[in-house]
Amino acid sequence: MRREGFEIQVSAPQVIFKYEGNQKTEPIEQVIINVDEKLSGAVIDMVANKK
């Protein structure tokens, strides 16, 4: 892109918070995981530890 006269600057990612009135809302992700019932506990633990 530089040879075409453009330059790009990359910075560290930032969380963009949204506000509802004066209340700051948290970023929320929705995930659906289909696993056997016997594995659900382990999967829930793994997802919970990703915070």
Protein backbone atom coordinates (compact mmCIF):
# COMPACT_ATOMS: atom_id res chain seq x y z
CA MET A 1 0.00 0.00 0.00
CA ARG A 2 2.93 2.32 0.60
CA ARG A 3 3.83 2.38 -3.07
CA GLU A 4 0.29 3.60 -3.79
CA GLY A 5 0.69 6.55 -1.41
CA PHE A 6 -1.12 5.10 1.62
CA GLU A 7 0.25 4.32 5.07
CA ILE A 8 -1.42 2.34 7.85
CA GLN A 9 -0.90 2.75 11.57
CA VAL A 10 -1.97 -0.05 13.91
CA SER A 11 -2.44 0.40 17.65
CA ALA A 12 -3.32 -1.94 20.49
CA PRO A 13 -6.96 -3.09 20.54
CA GLN A 14 -9.33 -1.18 22.80
CA VAL A 15 -12.69 -2.07 24.29
CA ILE A 16 -15.48 0.21 23.09
CA PHE A 17 -18.00 0.61 25.90
CA LYS A 18 -21.62 1.43 25.22
CA TYR A 19 -23.79 3.47 27.55
CA GLU A 20 -27.51 3.14 28.20
CA GLY A 21 -28.34 6.44 29.84
CA ASN A 22 -25.66 6.92 32.51
CA GLN A 23 -25.09 3.15 32.90
CA LYS A 24 -22.01 1.64 31.26
CA THR A 25 -22.82 -1.75 29.73
CA GLU A 26 -20.34 -4.59 29.46
CA PRO A 27 -19.31 -6.16 26.16
CA ILE A 28 -21.15 -9.46 25.88
CA GLU A 29 -20.47 -12.35 23.53
CA GLN A 30 -22.96 -15.11 22.86
CA VAL A 31 -21.69 -18.59 22.12
CA ILE A 32 -23.51 -21.85 21.41
CA ILE A 33 -21.60 -25.09 21.98
CA ASN A 34 -23.15 -28.49 21.31
CA VAL A 35 -21.47 -31.29 23.27
CA ASP A 36 -22.45 -34.52 24.98
CA GLU A 37 -23.98 -34.04 28.40
CA LYS A 38 -21.04 -35.81 30.09
CA LEU A 39 -18.63 -33.18 28.69
CA SER A 40 -20.73 -30.10 29.42
CA GLY A 41 -19.19 -29.45 32.85
CA ALA A 42 -15.65 -29.40 31.48
CA VAL A 43 -16.65 -27.16 28.57
CA ILE A 44 -18.43 -24.69 30.86
CA ASP A 45 -15.33 -24.51 33.08
CA MET A 46 -13.10 -23.87 30.05
CA VAL A 47 -15.34 -21.09 28.74
CA ALA A 48 -15.68 -19.49 32.19
CA ASN A 49 -11.88 -19.37 32.57
CA LYS A 50 -11.50 -17.43 29.30
CA LYS A 51 -12.71 -14.18 30.92
